[in-house]
C-alpha atoms as a PDB file:
ATOM      1  CA  MET A   1    -143.177 -71.268  67.456  1.00  0.00           C
ATOM      2  CA  GLU A   2    -141.589 -74.610  68.338  1.00  0.00           C
ATOM      3  CA  ILE A   3    -143.950 -77.584  68.078  1.00  0.00           C
ATOM      4  CA  ASN A   4    -143.536 -81.251  69.032  1.00  0.00           C
ATOM      5  CA  VAL A   5    -145.967 -83.890  67.813  1.00  0.00           C
ATOM      6  CA  LEU A   6    -143.697 -86.964  67.906  1.00  0.00           C
ATOM      7  CA  GLY A   7    -144.906 -87.973  71.337  1.00  0.00           C
ATOM      8  CA  ALA A   8    -147.028 -85.720  73.525  1.00  0.00           C
ATOM      9  CA  LEU A   9    -148.204 -82.487  71.898  1.00  0.00           C
ATOM     10  CA  ALA A  10    -146.143 -79.464  72.946  1.00  0.00           C
ATOM     11  CA  ALA A  11    -145.975 -75.972  71.478  1.00  0.00           C
ATOM     12  CA  HIS A  12    -144.033 -72.958  72.728  1.00  0.00           C
ATOM     13  CA  GLU A  13    -143.893 -69.365  71.567  1.00  0.00           C
ATOM     14  CA  ARG A  14    -141.008 -67.362  73.047  1.00  0.00           C
ATOM     15  CA  GLY A  15    -140.510 -70.246  75.465  1.00  0.00           C
ATOM     16  CA  LEU A  16    -144.066 -70.059  76.787  1.00  0.00           C
ATOM     17  CA  PRO A  17    -146.521 -72.973  76.337  1.00  0.00           C
ATOM     18  CA  VAL A  18    -149.464 -72.317  74.019  1.00  0.00           C
ATOM     19  CA  VAL A  19    -151.173 -75.721  73.945  1.00  0.00           C
ATOM     20  CA  PRO A  20    -154.785 -75.413  75.157  1.00  0.00           C
ATOM     21  CA  THR A  21    -156.184 -77.881  77.670  1.00  0.00           C
ATOM     22  CA  ALA A  22    -159.498 -78.451  75.875  1.00  0.00           C
ATOM     23  CA  ALA A  23    -159.513 -81.475  73.550  1.00  0.00           C
ATOM     24  CA  LYS A  24    -160.906 -79.989  70.340  1.00  0.00           C
ATOM     25  CA  PRO A  25    -158.612 -76.925  70.224  1.00  0.00           C
ATOM     26  CA  ARG A  26    -155.714 -79.327  70.808  1.00  0.00           C
ATOM     27  CA  GLN A  27    -156.851 -81.330  67.782  1.00  0.00           C
ATOM     28  CA  LEU A  28    -156.931 -78.180  65.684  1.00  0.00           C
ATOM     29  CA  LEU A  29    -153.465 -77.103  66.808  1.00  0.00           C
ATOM     30  CA  ALA A  30    -152.049 -80.555  66.052  1.00  0.00           C
ATOM     31  CA  LEU A  31    -153.575 -80.623  62.564  1.00  0.00           C
ATOM     32  CA  LEU A  32    -152.462 -77.071  61.765  1.00  0.00           C
ATOM     33  CA  ALA A  33    -148.960 -77.892  63.028  1.00  0.00           C
ATOM     34  CA  LEU A  34    -148.618 -80.977  60.835  1.00  0.00           C
ATOM     35  CA  HIS A  35    -149.557 -78.791  57.867  1.00  0.00           C
ATOM     36  CA  ALA A  36    -147.623 -75.734  59.045  1.00  0.00           C
ATOM     37  CA  ASP A  37    -147.212 -72.962  56.458  1.00  0.00           C
ATOM     38  CA  ARG A  38    -149.965 -74.526  54.353  1.00  0.00           C
ATOM     39  CA  VAL A  39    -153.627 -73.616  54.362  1.00  0.00           C
ATOM     40  CA  VAL A  40    -155.860 -76.191  56.009  1.00  0.00           C
ATOM     41  CA  ALA A  41    -159.376 -75.884  54.569  1.00  0.00           C
ATOM     42  CA  VAL A  42    -162.305 -75.308  56.888  1.00  0.00           C
ATOM     43  CA  PRO A  43    -164.090 -78.514  55.734  1.00  0.00           C
ATOM     44  CA  THR A  44    -160.956 -80.507  56.663  1.00  0.00           C
ATOM     45  CA  LEU A  45    -160.875 -78.941  60.117  1.00  0.00           C
ATOM     46  CA  MET A  46    -164.572 -79.675  60.571  1.00  0.00           C
ATOM     47  CA  GLU A  47    -164.122 -83.286  59.471  1.00  0.00           C
ATOM     48  CA  GLU A  48    -161.375 -83.718  62.061  1.00  0.00           C
ATOM     49  CA  ILE A  49    -163.485 -82.269  64.870  1.00  0.00           C
ATOM     50  CA  TRP A  50    -166.937 -83.669  64.074  1.00  0.00           C
ATOM     51  CA  GLY A  51    -166.464 -86.385  61.471  1.00  0.00           C
ATOM     52  CA  GLU A  52    -169.612 -86.922  59.417  1.00  0.00           C
ATOM     53  CA  ASN A  53    -171.889 -85.366  62.048  1.00  0.00           C
ATOM     54  CA  VAL A  54    -171.084 -81.691  61.509  1.00  0.00           C
ATOM     55  CA  PRO A  55    -173.542 -79.565  63.529  1.00  0.00           C
ATOM     56  CA  ARG A  56    -175.224 -76.458  62.173  1.00  0.00           C
ATOM     57  CA  SER A  57    -173.242 -74.352  64.606  1.00  0.00           C
ATOM     58  CA  ALA A  58    -169.912 -75.788  63.372  1.00  0.00           C
ATOM     59  CA  SER A  59    -168.709 -72.611  61.666  1.00  0.00           C
ATOM     60  CA  THR A  60    -169.249 -70.480  64.764  1.00  0.00           C
ATOM     61  CA  THR A  61    -167.812 -73.117  67.076  1.00  0.00           C
ATOM     62  CA  LEU A  62    -164.720 -73.515  64.887  1.00  0.00           C
ATOM     63  CA  GLN A  63    -164.116 -69.767  65.022  1.00  0.00           C
ATOM     64  CA  THR A  64    -164.373 -69.978  68.821  1.00  0.00           C
ATOM     65  CA  TYR A  65    -161.687 -72.674  68.901  1.00  0.00           C
ATOM     66  CA  ILE A  66    -159.451 -70.589  66.642  1.00  0.00           C
ATOM     67  CA  LEU A  67    -159.972 -67.627  68.974  1.00  0.00           C
ATOM     68  CA  GLN A  68    -158.928 -69.761  71.949  1.00  0.00           C
ATOM     69  CA  LEU A  69    -155.707 -70.719  70.173  1.00  0.00           C
ATOM     70  CA  ARG A  70    -154.988 -67.106  69.292  1.00  0.00           C
ATOM     71  CA  ARG A  71    -155.501 -66.048  72.898  1.00  0.00           C
ATOM     72  CA  LYS A  72    -152.873 -68.551  74.028  1.00  0.00           C
ATOM     73  CA  ILE A  73    -150.485 -67.235  71.386  1.00  0.00           C
ATOM     74  CA  SER A  74    -151.258 -63.603  72.282  1.00  0.00           C
ATOM     75  CA  ALA A  75    -150.361 -64.270  75.918  1.00  0.00           C
ATOM     76  CA  ALA A  76    -146.951 -65.513  74.787  1.00  0.00           C
ATOM     77  CA  LEU A  77    -146.495 -62.427  72.577  1.00  0.00           C
ATOM     78  CA  ALA A  78    -147.427 -59.950  75.293  1.00  0.00           C
ATOM     79  CA  ASP A  79    -143.938 -58.414  75.404  1.00  0.00           C
ATOM     80  CA  ASP A  80    -143.710 -57.902  71.634  1.00  0.00           C
ATOM     81  CA  PRO A  81    -146.096 -55.212  70.343  1.00  0.00           C
ATOM     82  CA  THR A  82    -144.846 -55.714  66.777  1.00  0.00           C
ATOM     83  CA  LEU A  83    -146.461 -59.151  66.479  1.00  0.00           C
ATOM     84  CA  ASP A  84    -150.079 -60.216  66.642  1.00  0.00           C
ATOM     85  CA  ALA A  85    -151.473 -63.708  67.071  1.00  0.00           C
ATOM     86  CA  LYS A  86    -153.202 -63.265  63.714  1.00  0.00           C
ATOM     87  CA  ASP A  87    -149.752 -63.021  62.131  1.00  0.00           C
ATOM     88  CA  ILE A  88    -149.011 -66.556  63.365  1.00  0.00           C
ATOM     89  CA  LEU A  89    -152.404 -68.237  63.131  1.00  0.00           C
ATOM     90  CA  VAL A  90    -153.466 -66.651  59.871  1.00  0.00           C
ATOM     91  CA  THR A  91    -156.939 -66.537  58.329  1.00  0.00           C
ATOM     92  CA  ARG A  92    -156.903 -67.382  54.642  1.00  0.00           C
ATOM     93  CA  LEU A  93    -159.704 -67.662  52.118  1.00  0.00           C
ATOM     94  CA  GLY A  94    -161.459 -70.915  52.994  1.00  0.00           C
ATOM     95  CA  GLY A  95    -159.150 -71.950  55.815  1.00  0.00           C
ATOM     96  CA  TYR A  96    -156.367 -71.228  58.284  1.00  0.00           C
ATOM     97  CA  LEU A  97    -152.567 -71.333  58.195  1.00  0.00           C
ATOM     98  CA  LEU A  98    -150.135 -71.726  61.087  1.00  0.00           C
ATOM     99  CA  ARG A  99    -146.960 -69.799  60.326  1.00  0.00           C
ATOM    100  CA  VAL A 100    -143.857 -71.538  61.685  1.00  0.00           C
ATOM    101  CA  GLU A 101    -140.154 -71.007  61.052  1.00  0.00           C
ATOM    102  CA  PRO A 102    -138.343 -73.811  59.187  1.00  0.00           C
ATOM    103  CA  GLY A 103    -137.192 -76.651  61.438  1.00  0.00           C
ATOM    104  CA  GLN A 104    -139.551 -75.778  64.292  1.00  0.00           C
ATOM    105  CA  VAL A 105    -141.969 -78.713  63.870  1.00  0.00           C
ATOM    106  CA  ASP A 106    -140.311 -81.961  64.920  1.00  0.00           C
ATOM    107  CA  ALA A 107    -142.322 -84.038  62.418  1.00  0.00           C
ATOM    108  CA  HIS A 108    -141.049 -81.907  59.543  1.00  0.00           C
ATOM    109  CA  GLU A 109    -137.479 -82.173  60.801  1.00  0.00           C
ATOM    110  CA  PHE A 110    -137.904 -85.945  61.114  1.00  0.00           C
ATOM    111  CA  GLU A 111    -139.060 -86.170  57.510  1.00  0.00           C
ATOM    112  CA  ARG A 112    -136.185 -83.958  56.300  1.00  0.00           C
ATOM    113  CA  LEU A 113    -133.572 -86.097  58.055  1.00  0.00           C
ATOM    114  CA  ALA A 114    -135.301 -89.309  56.938  1.00  0.00           C
ATOM    115  CA  ASP A 115    -135.246 -88.148  53.302  1.00  0.00           C
ATOM    116  CA  SER A 116    -131.550 -87.254  53.557  1.00  0.00           C
ATOM    117  CA  GLY A 117    -130.814 -90.593  55.180  1.00  0.00           C
ATOM    118  CA  ARG A 118    -132.678 -92.470  52.468  1.00  0.00           C
ATOM    119  CA  SER A 119    -130.724 -90.626  49.776  1.00  0.00           C
ATOM    120  CA  ALA A 120    -127.421 -91.469  51.472  1.00  0.00           C
ATOM    121  CA  PHE A 121    -128.507 -95.109  51.769  1.00  0.00           C
ATOM    122  CA  GLU A 122    -129.379 -95.298  48.084  1.00  0.00           C
ATOM    123  CA  LEU A 123    -125.970 -93.827  47.223  1.00  0.00           C
ATOM    124  CA  GLY A 124    -124.267 -96.496  49.331  1.00  0.00           C
ATOM    125  CA  ASP A 125    -123.013 -94.076  52.001  1.00  0.00           C
ATOM    126  CA  HIS A 126    -124.183 -96.213  54.902  1.00  0.00           C
ATOM    127  CA  ARG A 127    -122.192 -94.351  57.540  1.00  0.00           C
ATOM    128  CA  ALA A 128    -123.950 -91.075  56.683  1.00  0.00           C
ATOM    129  CA  ALA A 129    -127.270 -92.883  56.341  1.00  0.00           C
ATOM    130  CA  SER A 130    -126.945 -94.444  59.784  1.00  0.00           C
ATOM    131  CA  ASP A 131    -126.107 -91.082  61.357  1.00  0.00           C
ATOM    132  CA  LEU A 132    -128.923 -89.170  59.638  1.00  0.00           C
ATOM    133  CA  LEU A 133    -131.542 -91.828  60.337  1.00  0.00           C
ATOM    134  CA  ARG A 134    -130.424 -92.125  63.951  1.00  0.00           C
ATOM    135  CA  ARG A 135    -130.844 -88.348  64.363  1.00  0.00           C
ATOM    136  CA  ALA A 136    -134.304 -88.553  62.808  1.00  0.00           C
ATOM    137  CA  LEU A 137    -135.392 -91.303  65.187  1.00  0.00           C
ATOM    138  CA  ALA A 138    -134.005 -89.425  68.206  1.00  0.00           C
ATOM    139  CA  LEU A 139    -136.707 -86.787  67.697  1.00  0.00           C
ATOM    140  CA  TRP A 140    -139.385 -89.257  68.773  1.00  0.00           C
ATOM    141  CA  GLN A 141    -140.502 -89.163  72.409  1.00  0.00           C
ATOM    142  CA  GLY A 142    -143.321 -91.712  72.057  1.00  0.00           C
ATOM    143  CA  PRO A 143    -146.157 -92.537  69.635  1.00  0.00           C
ATOM    144  CA  ALA A 144    -147.182 -89.503  67.584  1.00  0.00           C
ATOM    145  CA  LEU A 145    -149.733 -87.239  69.331  1.00  0.00           C
ATOM    146  CA  VAL A 146    -150.108 -89.773  72.099  1.00  0.00           C
ATOM    147  CA  ASP A 147    -152.075 -87.364  74.315  1.00  0.00           C
ATOM    148  CA  VAL A 148    -154.365 -85.883  71.641  1.00  0.00           C
ATOM    149  CA  PRO A 149    -157.798 -87.320  70.750  1.00  0.00           C
ATOM    150  CA  VAL A 150    -157.711 -87.839  66.999  1.00  0.00           C
ATOM    151  CA  GLY A 151    -160.480 -87.662  64.432  1.00  0.00           C
ATOM    152  CA  ALA A 152    -160.621 -89.044  60.908  1.00  0.00           C
ATOM    153  CA  VAL A 153    -157.963 -86.691  59.504  1.00  0.00           C
ATOM    154  CA  LEU A 154    -155.407 -86.862  62.310  1.00  0.00           C
ATOM    155  CA  GLU A 155    -155.834 -90.620  62.587  1.00  0.00           C
ATOM    156  CA  LEU A 156    -154.399 -91.057  59.099  1.00  0.00           C
ATOM    157  CA  GLU A 157    -151.600 -88.579  59.801  1.00  0.00           C
ATOM    158  CA  VAL A 158    -150.634 -90.432  62.978  1.00  0.00           C
ATOM    159  CA  LEU A 159    -150.737 -93.783  61.179  1.00  0.00           C
ATOM    160  CA  ARG A 160    -148.504 -92.417  58.412  1.00  0.00           C
ATOM    161  CA  LEU A 161    -145.965 -91.000  60.865  1.00  0.00           C
ATOM    162  CA  ASN A 162    -145.789 -94.133  62.994  1.00  0.00           C
ATOM    163  CA  GLU A 163    -145.363 -96.344  59.924  1.00  0.00           C
ATOM    164  CA  GLU A 164    -142.663 -94.051  58.572  1.00  0.00           C
ATOM    165  CA  ARG A 165    -140.885 -94.311  61.918  1.00  0.00           C
ATOM    166  CA  THR A 166    -140.802 -98.104  61.559  1.00  0.00           C
ATOM    167  CA  THR A 167    -139.508 -97.836  57.990  1.00  0.00           C
ATOM    168  CA  VAL A 168    -136.749 -95.436  59.023  1.00  0.00           C
ATOM    169  CA  LEU A 169    -135.779 -97.694  61.922  1.00  0.00           C
ATOM    170  CA  GLU A 170    -135.514-100.704  59.618  1.00  0.00           C
ATOM    171  CA  ARG A 171    -133.386 -98.721  57.153  1.00  0.00           C
ATOM    172  CA  ARG A 172    -131.104 -97.443  59.937  1.00  0.00           C
ATOM    173  CA  ILE A 173    -130.522-100.981  61.174  1.00  0.00           C
ATOM    174  CA  GLU A 174    -129.831-102.081  57.592  1.00  0.00           C
ATOM    175  CA  SER A 175    -127.190 -99.358  57.331  1.00  0.00           C
ATOM    176  CA  ASP A 176    -125.592-100.601  60.542  1.00  0.00           C
ATOM    177  CA  LEU A 177    -125.597-104.179  59.252  1.00  0.00           C
ATOM    178  CA  ARG A 178    -123.861-103.101  56.067  1.00  0.00           C
ATOM    179  CA  LEU A 179    -121.260-101.350  58.206  1.00  0.00           C
ATOM    180  CA  GLY A 180    -120.577-104.648  60.000  1.00  0.00           C
ATOM    181  CA  ARG A 181    -122.170-103.632  63.299  1.00  0.00           C
ATOM    182  CA  TYR A 182    -123.743-107.059  63.755  1.00  0.00           C
ATOM    183  CA  ALA A 183    -123.238-107.551  67.473  1.00  0.00           C
ATOM    184  CA  GLU A 184    -124.360-103.990  68.212  1.00  0.00           C
ATOM    185  CA  VAL A 185    -127.811-104.413  66.666  1.00  0.00           C
ATOM    186  CA  VAL A 186    -128.651-107.866  68.055  1.00  0.00           C
ATOM    187  CA  PRO A 187    -130.097-106.622  71.397  1.00  0.00           C
ATOM    188  CA  GLU A 188    -132.166-103.970  69.625  1.00  0.00           C
ATOM    189  CA  LEU A 189    -133.481-106.463  67.091  1.00  0.00           C
ATOM    190  CA  ARG A 190    -134.408-108.933  69.819  1.00  0.00           C
ATOM    191  CA  VAL A 191    -136.646-106.297  71.366  1.00  0.00           C
ATOM    192  CA  LEU A 192    -138.104-105.297  67.996  1.00  0.00           C
ATOM    193  CA  THR A 193    -138.935-108.851  66.956  1.00  0.00           C
ATOM    194  CA  ALA A 194    -140.632-109.394  70.310  1.00  0.00           C
ATOM    195  CA  ARG A 195    -142.694-106.227  69.858  1.00  0.00           C
ATOM    196  CA  HIS A 196    -143.440-106.958  66.194  1.00  0.00           C
ATOM    197  CA  PRO A 197    -143.747-110.751  65.982  1.00  0.00           C
ATOM    198  CA  LEU A 198    -145.143-110.633  62.420  1.00  0.00           C
ATOM    199  CA  HIS A 199    -142.559-108.216  60.966  1.00  0.00           C
ATOM    200  CA  GLU A 200    -140.447-110.181  58.497  1.00  0.00           C
ATOM    201  CA  GLY A 201    -137.960-107.357  57.945  1.00  0.00           C
ATOM    202  CA  PHE A 202    -136.848-107.227  61.568  1.00  0.00           C
ATOM    203  CA  CYS A 203    -136.718-111.021  61.720  1.00  0.00           C
ATOM    204  CA  ALA A 204    -134.523-111.218  58.621  1.00  0.00           C
ATOM    205  CA  GLN A 205    -132.180-108.588  60.035  1.00  0.00           C
ATOM    206  CA  LEU A 206    -131.947-110.451  63.341  1.00  0.00           C
ATOM    207  CA  MET A 207    -131.211-113.714  61.537  1.00  0.00           C
ATOM    208  CA  ARG A 208    -128.441-112.081  59.529  1.00  0.00           C
ATOM    209  CA  ALA A 209    -126.925-110.396  62.584  1.00  0.00           C
ATOM    210  CA  LEU A 210    -127.015-113.634  64.600  1.00  0.00           C
ATOM    211  CA  HIS A 211    -125.506-115.618  61.748  1.00  0.00           C
ATOM    212  CA  ARG A 212    -122.666-113.124  61.399  1.00  0.00           C
ATOM    213  CA  THR A 213    -121.900-113.322  65.112  1.00  0.00           C
ATOM    214  CA  GLY A 214    -121.778-117.112  65.164  1.00  0.00           C
ATOM    215  CA  GLY A 215    -125.288-117.733  66.422  1.00  0.00           C
ATOM    216  CA  SER A 216    -126.743-119.643  63.493  1.00  0.00           C
ATOM    217  CA  TRP A 217    -128.911-121.843  65.726  1.00  0.00           C
ATOM    218  CA  ARG A 218    -130.374-118.689  67.259  1.00  0.00           C
ATOM    219  CA  ALA A 219    -131.093-117.388  63.756  1.00  0.00           C
ATOM    220  CA  LEU A 220    -133.050-120.584  63.059  1.00  0.00           C
ATOM    221  CA  GLU A 221    -134.885-120.127  66.361  1.00  0.00           C
ATOM    222  CA  ALA A 222    -135.855-116.562  65.362  1.00  0.00           C
ATOM    223  CA  TYR A 223    -137.215-117.845  62.054  1.00  0.00           C
ATOM    224  CA  GLN A 224    -139.273-120.532  63.762  1.00  0.00           C
ATOM    225  CA  LYS A 225    -140.814-117.995  66.142  1.00  0.00           C
ATOM    226  CA  LEU A 226    -141.847-115.787  63.238  1.00  0.00           C
ATOM    227  CA  ARG A 227    -143.235-118.740  61.279  1.00  0.00           C
ATOM    228  CA  ASN A 228    -145.276-119.899  64.263  1.00  0.00           C
ATOM    229  CA  SER A 229    -146.721-116.407  64.706  1.00  0.00           C
ATOM    230  CA  LEU A 230    -147.595-116.053  61.009  1.00  0.00           C
ATOM    231  CA  VAL A 231    -149.285-119.448  60.849  1.00  0.00           C
ATOM    232  CA  ARG A 232    -151.158-118.952  64.106  1.00  0.00           C
ATOM    233  CA  GLU A 233    -152.287-115.348  63.515  1.00  0.00           C
ATOM    234  CA  LEU A 234    -152.700-115.183  59.721  1.00  0.00           C
ATOM    235  CA  GLY A 235    -152.547-118.716  58.411  1.00  0.00           C
ATOM    236  CA  LEU A 236    -149.565-117.739  56.243  1.00  0.00           C
ATOM    237  CA  GLU A 237    -146.062-119.047  55.655  1.00  0.00           C
ATOM    238  CA  PRO A 238    -143.046-116.695  55.635  1.00  0.00           C
ATOM    239  CA  SER A 239    -142.154-115.014  52.341  1.00  0.00           C
ATOM    240  CA  ALA A 240    -139.990-116.768  49.774  1.00  0.00           C
ATOM    241  CA  SER A 241    -136.958-114.594  50.526  1.00  0.00           C
ATOM    242  CA  LEU A 242    -137.134-115.375  54.236  1.00  0.00           C
ATOM    243  CA  GLN A 243    -137.552-119.093  53.506  1.00  0.00           C
ATOM    244  CA  ASP A 244    -134.449-118.898  51.302  1.00  0.00           C
ATOM    245  CA  LEU A 245    -132.533-117.286  54.136  1.00  0.00           C
ATOM    246  CA  HIS A 246    -133.723-120.023  56.499  1.00  0.00           C
ATOM    247  CA  GLN A 247    -132.646-122.794  54.134  1.00  0.00           C
ATOM    248  CA  ALA A 248    -129.257-121.184  53.573  1.00  0.00           C
ATOM    249  CA  VAL A 249    -128.609-120.911  57.309  1.00  0.00           C
ATOM    250  CA  LEU A 250    -129.669-124.568  57.697  1.00  0.00           C
ATOM    251  CA  SER A 251    -127.168-125.607  55.041  1.00  0.00           C
ATOM    252  CA  GLY A 252    -124.416-123.544  56.626  1.00  0.00           C
ATOM    253  CA  ASP A 253    -124.011-121.439  53.484  1.00  0.00           C
ATOM    254  CA  ALA A 254    -125.938-118.228  54.136  1.00  0.00           C
ATOM    255  CA  GLU A 255    -123.839-115.846  52.063  1.00  0.00           C
ATOM    256  CA  LEU A 256    -126.067-115.920  48.959  1.00  0.00           C
ATOM    257  CA  ALA A 257    -129.286-115.631  50.904  1.00  0.00           C
ATOM    258  CA  LEU A 258    -127.880-112.854  53.086  1.00  0.00           C
ATOM    259  CA  HIS A 259    -126.929-110.902  49.983  1.00  0.00           C
ATOM    260  CA  ARG A 260    -130.326-111.513  48.383  1.00  0.00           C
ATOM    261  CA  VAL A 261    -132.273-110.349  51.439  1.00  0.00           C
ATOM    262  CA  ALA A 262    -130.096-107.259  51.866  1.00  0.00           C
ATOM    263  CA  SER A 263    -130.509-106.326  48.206  1.00  0.00           C
ATOM    264  CA  ALA A 264    -134.286-106.721  48.424  1.00  0.00           C
ATOM    265  CA  GLU A 265    -134.406-104.215  51.284  1.00  0.00           C
END
């Protein structure tokens, strides 16, 4: 089964869609997919569906949702008498397990590529890091599970994935900066700083890229925009490292500050 959660939920078995239309079975499929090949306990599934208000009929209703998922899978397996839906959506003691081949859940593939990219970055192989992290980010088609109603469990999973996406993006841009691709990342960083006006990492990267391409006054402008946003929204000044970068650009000697910021990342 091939499953996409990095955007709208999609799942196909033998090329046929198996995502149910009803909201709660979709939640179950999404949660089982994120934990593919691991048992998800019944209490966890119930918490996702009903939160703290678990009805007395929850056990029976949960089994009904599982049956609906299996029916969708069975329809896709109609031409293969050797497989049963219960072989894919497996009942285990105290929970359920969705059996998926390696590399078939996009979130898992994203995490694998992100881990490899991070390792390459830490080893100083920024060309490999940039390539691996770029491939990881290309798997995203929108915010995670954008069309699935999420409960308490999935909410945390979605938050984790979206935050990891931002971290990977920042690391990929850092790899490109260390490869000297300053002009190439400026347009991307302009968009990112506009979307994330309080994100110091993107601002620092934009300042460095602008400085390297001869736009020091634009780097100072980017700093001032961030500072205004921080003061207005949070009542805070930029971090010490970003202030150092600002002062170094002002003095026309940004090399030390650029090195310090890059090392901190």
